[in-house]
C-alpha cells in the first residue's frame, strides 16, 4: 500500500485526527465549490469520510449506490479540494483509492468566508429535512434566531461554535462502530445585512 499521508488509517475505536485545509478561503466561496456541495449524496460522502478514509466501493456499499456513482462524486469533491487522496491499494483488476474529508476553514480571522450564493443554505435545508426523518429520542437541541449582538460577542460565539465543530469532528467514528450512535449537526452562523 502506498500512503499519501503519514497517518495510519483509523481503527474503529481510535480517535479521529482533524485535517484542516491549508488553502485560504478568501472572500466568497467559489461557485464551483458550492455546486460540488449542492448534492445530498456528496454531503453524505463527506460525513462518511470524516472519521476514516474510504474507497468508492466502500462508499457505494455504505450508501446503497453503485461504486461508479460513488467514484463520480468522489472525483467532484476531490477536484474542489474538499477531500484528499489518503492511500492507494492494489486489488483485483485495479487500484482502490481511499479518500478522506478535508474540512475547509477561513484562514484569515478578519475575513471569514461568506456565502453570497444561497445554494449551500438551500442544500443544508434539504439535507436537514432528510436527516430529521430519522429523529430519535435522546439529548438534542434545536434553535433558530435572528438577533442583534455586539461584534465582539458575535466573534466569540462564532469562534466557540467553530471549536465545538472541531471537537465533534475529532471524536467521530466510522459508521457502525460499536458503542456509537448516528447524530446530526447542522450549523449555519452568519452576519446579516440590513433588511
Protein backbone atom coordinates (compact mmCIF):
# COMPACT_ATOMS: atom_id res chain seq x y z
CA UNK A 1 0.00 0.00 0.00
CA UNK A 2 1.29 3.46 -0.90
CA UNK A 3 0.18 6.09 1.60
CA UNK A 4 -0.07 9.77 0.75
CA UNK A 5 -0.17 10.65 4.44
CA UNK A 6 1.99 9.93 7.43
CA UNK A 7 -1.09 8.84 9.41
CA UNK A 8 -2.17 5.28 9.83
CA UNK A 9 -5.82 4.58 8.99
CA UNK A 10 -8.32 4.99 11.84
CA UNK A 11 -9.26 1.94 13.76
CA UNK A 12 -12.91 1.66 14.65
CA UNK A 13 -12.40 2.86 18.18
CA UNK A 14 -9.37 5.12 17.72
CA UNK A 15 -9.63 8.88 17.94
CA UNK A 16 -10.01 10.61 14.61
CA UNK A 17 -7.47 13.20 13.54
CA UNK A 18 -8.59 16.51 12.11
CA UNK A 19 -7.35 17.60 8.75
CA UNK A 20 -7.57 21.32 8.02
CA UNK A 21 -7.16 22.59 4.51
CA UNK A 22 -4.07 24.70 4.05
CA UNK A 23 -5.57 26.77 1.27
CA UNK A 24 -7.09 30.08 2.22
CA UNK A 25 -10.75 30.78 1.61
CA UNK A 26 -10.71 34.44 0.75
CA UNK A 27 -13.98 36.27 0.39
CA UNK A 28 -16.76 34.28 -1.27
CA UNK A 29 -16.76 30.53 -1.54
CA UNK A 30 -16.26 29.65 -5.18
CA UNK A 31 -19.38 28.84 -7.14
CA UNK A 32 -17.85 25.54 -8.26
CA UNK A 33 -17.28 24.55 -4.62
CA UNK A 34 -20.87 25.40 -3.74
CA UNK A 35 -22.06 23.33 -6.69
CA UNK A 36 -19.88 20.42 -5.53
CA UNK A 37 -21.59 20.61 -2.13
CA UNK A 38 -25.04 21.04 -3.67
CA UNK A 39 -25.83 17.33 -3.82
CA UNK A 40 -27.21 15.33 -0.90
CA UNK A 41 -25.12 12.25 -1.74
CA UNK A 42 -21.93 14.32 -1.63
CA UNK A 43 -22.84 15.61 1.84
CA UNK A 44 -23.36 12.02 2.97
CA UNK A 45 -20.00 11.06 1.46
CA UNK A 46 -18.28 13.88 3.40
CA UNK A 47 -19.89 12.56 6.59
CA UNK A 48 -18.57 9.06 5.87
CA UNK A 49 -15.08 10.41 5.14
CA UNK A 50 -14.84 12.42 8.37
CA UNK A 51 -13.73 9.58 10.69
CA UNK A 52 -11.98 7.37 8.11
CA UNK A 53 -10.63 7.07 4.60
CA UNK A 54 -12.82 5.04 2.23
CA UNK A 55 -12.82 3.86 -1.37
CA UNK A 56 -15.62 4.30 -3.92
CA UNK A 57 -16.63 0.65 -3.46
CA UNK A 58 -16.87 1.04 0.33
CA UNK A 59 -18.88 4.25 -0.03
CA UNK A 60 -21.15 2.59 -2.58
CA UNK A 61 -21.91 -0.24 -0.15
CA UNK A 62 -22.46 2.14 2.78
CA UNK A 63 -24.82 4.43 0.83
CA UNK A 64 -26.52 1.76 -1.25
CA UNK A 65 -25.33 3.14 -4.58
CA UNK A 66 -23.00 1.88 -7.28
CA UNK A 67 -19.27 2.26 -6.88
CA UNK A 68 -19.26 4.05 -10.26
CA UNK A 69 -21.69 6.65 -8.90
CA UNK A 70 -19.67 6.99 -5.69
CA UNK A 71 -16.49 7.33 -7.78
CA UNK A 72 -18.03 10.15 -9.84
CA UNK A 73 -18.99 12.09 -6.71
CA UNK A 74 -15.55 11.47 -5.18
CA UNK A 75 -13.92 12.97 -8.29
CA UNK A 76 -16.10 16.08 -7.99
CA UNK A 77 -15.25 16.51 -4.29
CA UNK A 78 -11.54 15.85 -4.91
CA UNK A 79 -11.39 18.34 -7.79
CA UNK A 80 -12.68 21.04 -5.42
CA UNK A 81 -10.16 20.14 -2.70
CA UNK A 82 -12.87 19.01 -0.27
CA UNK A 83 -11.33 15.54 0.08
CA UNK A 84 -7.79 14.29 -0.30
CA UNK A 85 -6.29 11.06 -1.53
CA UNK A 86 -5.25 9.19 1.60
CA UNK A 87 -3.87 5.96 0.10
CA UNK A 88 -3.90 3.66 -2.92
CA UNK A 89 -4.22 -0.11 -2.62
CA UNK A 90 -3.67 -2.56 -5.46
CA UNK A 91 -6.51 -5.03 -5.72
CA UNK A 92 -8.26 -7.27 -8.19
CA UNK A 93 -8.02 -5.59 -11.55
CA UNK A 94 -7.15 -2.10 -10.39
CA UNK A 95 -6.21 0.38 -7.72
CA UNK A 96 -8.58 1.29 -4.88
CA UNK A 97 -8.11 4.93 -3.99
CA UNK A 98 -9.10 5.86 -0.45
CA UNK A 99 -10.15 9.43 0.27
CA UNK A 100 -10.63 11.46 3.43
CA UNK A 101 -12.55 14.67 4.17
CA UNK A 102 -10.57 17.91 4.28
CA UNK A 103 -12.62 20.49 6.12
CA UNK A 104 -12.34 23.99 4.71
CA UNK A 105 -12.00 26.80 7.21
CA UNK A 106 -11.49 30.52 6.70
CA UNK A 107 -7.83 31.05 7.43
CA UNK A 108 -7.95 34.85 7.72
CA UNK A 109 -9.69 35.72 11.00
CA UNK A 110 -10.56 39.20 9.76
CA UNK A 111 -12.14 37.97 6.52
CA UNK A 112 -14.32 34.91 7.13
CA UNK A 113 -15.72 33.11 4.12
CA UNK A 114 -19.05 34.47 3.00
CA UNK A 115 -21.73 32.75 1.01
CA UNK A 116 -23.35 35.11 -1.44
CA UNK A 117 -24.94 32.25 -3.33
CA UNK A 118 -27.80 30.73 -1.32
CA UNK A 119 -27.18 27.33 -2.93
CA UNK A 120 -25.34 25.96 0.11
CA UNK A 121 -28.03 27.10 2.53
CA UNK A 122 -30.69 25.51 0.30
CA UNK A 123 -28.76 22.23 0.25
CA UNK A 124 -28.30 22.31 4.03
CA UNK A 125 -32.03 22.87 4.46
CA UNK A 126 -32.88 19.88 2.29
CA UNK A 127 -30.28 17.70 3.97
CA UNK A 128 -31.57 18.70 7.42
CA UNK A 129 -35.08 17.78 6.32
CA UNK A 130 -33.83 14.35 5.15
CA UNK A 131 -31.94 13.73 8.37
CA UNK A 132 -34.81 14.88 10.59
CA UNK A 133 -36.88 11.97 9.28
CA UNK A 134 -34.54 9.83 11.43
CA UNK A 135 -35.02 11.91 14.60
CA UNK A 136 -34.51 9.71 17.67
CA UNK A 137 -35.42 10.11 21.32
CA UNK A 138 -32.50 11.41 23.33
CA UNK A 139 -30.46 14.53 24.01
CA UNK A 140 -30.93 17.16 21.34
CA UNK A 141 -31.35 20.86 20.84
CA UNK A 142 -32.86 22.85 18.02
CA UNK A 143 -32.73 26.62 17.84
CA UNK A 144 -33.32 29.39 15.37
CA UNK A 145 -32.77 33.08 15.99
CA UNK A 146 -32.39 36.42 14.28
CA UNK A 147 -30.71 38.58 16.92
CA UNK A 148 -28.65 41.71 17.45
CA UNK A 149 -25.37 41.32 19.35
CA UNK A 150 -22.12 43.24 19.64
CA UNK A 151 -19.38 42.46 17.13
CA UNK A 152 -17.08 41.31 19.95
CA UNK A 153 -19.68 38.90 21.36
CA UNK A 154 -20.52 37.63 17.86
CA UNK A 155 -16.88 36.84 17.11
CA UNK A 156 -16.53 35.00 20.47
CA UNK A 157 -19.66 32.95 19.78
CA UNK A 158 -18.61 32.05 16.23
CA UNK A 159 -15.15 31.02 17.50
CA UNK A 160 -16.74 28.92 20.25
CA UNK A 161 -19.04 27.15 17.79
CA UNK A 162 -16.07 26.54 15.46
CA UNK A 163 -14.20 24.94 18.40
CA UNK A 164 -17.24 22.74 19.12
CA UNK A 165 -17.44 21.66 15.45
CA UNK A 166 -13.74 20.72 15.50
CA UNK A 167 -14.29 18.72 18.71
CA UNK A 168 -17.24 16.84 17.25
CA UNK A 169 -15.29 16.01 14.08
CA UNK A 170 -12.32 14.86 16.18
CA UNK A 171 -14.40 12.27 18.07
CA UNK A 172 -16.30 10.97 15.02
CA UNK A 173 -16.06 7.21 14.46
CA UNK A 174 -16.70 5.10 11.37
CA UNK A 175 -20.31 4.18 10.60
CA UNK A 176 -21.45 1.14 12.58
CA UNK A 177 -18.62 1.27 15.13
CA UNK A 178 -19.78 -0.47 18.34
CA UNK A 179 -20.92 1.93 21.04
CA UNK A 180 -21.71 4.78 18.66
CA UNK A 181 -24.99 6.38 17.65
CA UNK A 182 -25.78 8.32 14.47
CA UNK A 183 -26.13 12.05 15.16
CA UNK A 184 -26.74 15.20 13.13
CA UNK A 185 -25.04 18.54 13.35
CA UNK A 186 -26.03 21.36 11.05
CA UNK A 187 -24.57 24.79 11.78
CA UNK A 188 -25.16 28.00 9.87
CA UNK A 189 -23.94 31.13 11.63
CA UNK A 190 -23.71 34.27 9.54
CA UNK A 191 -23.94 38.01 9.94
CA UNK A 192 -26.78 39.68 8.08
CA UNK A 193 -27.10 42.96 6.25
CA UNK A 194 -29.86 45.46 6.86
CA UNK A 195 -33.30 44.44 5.70
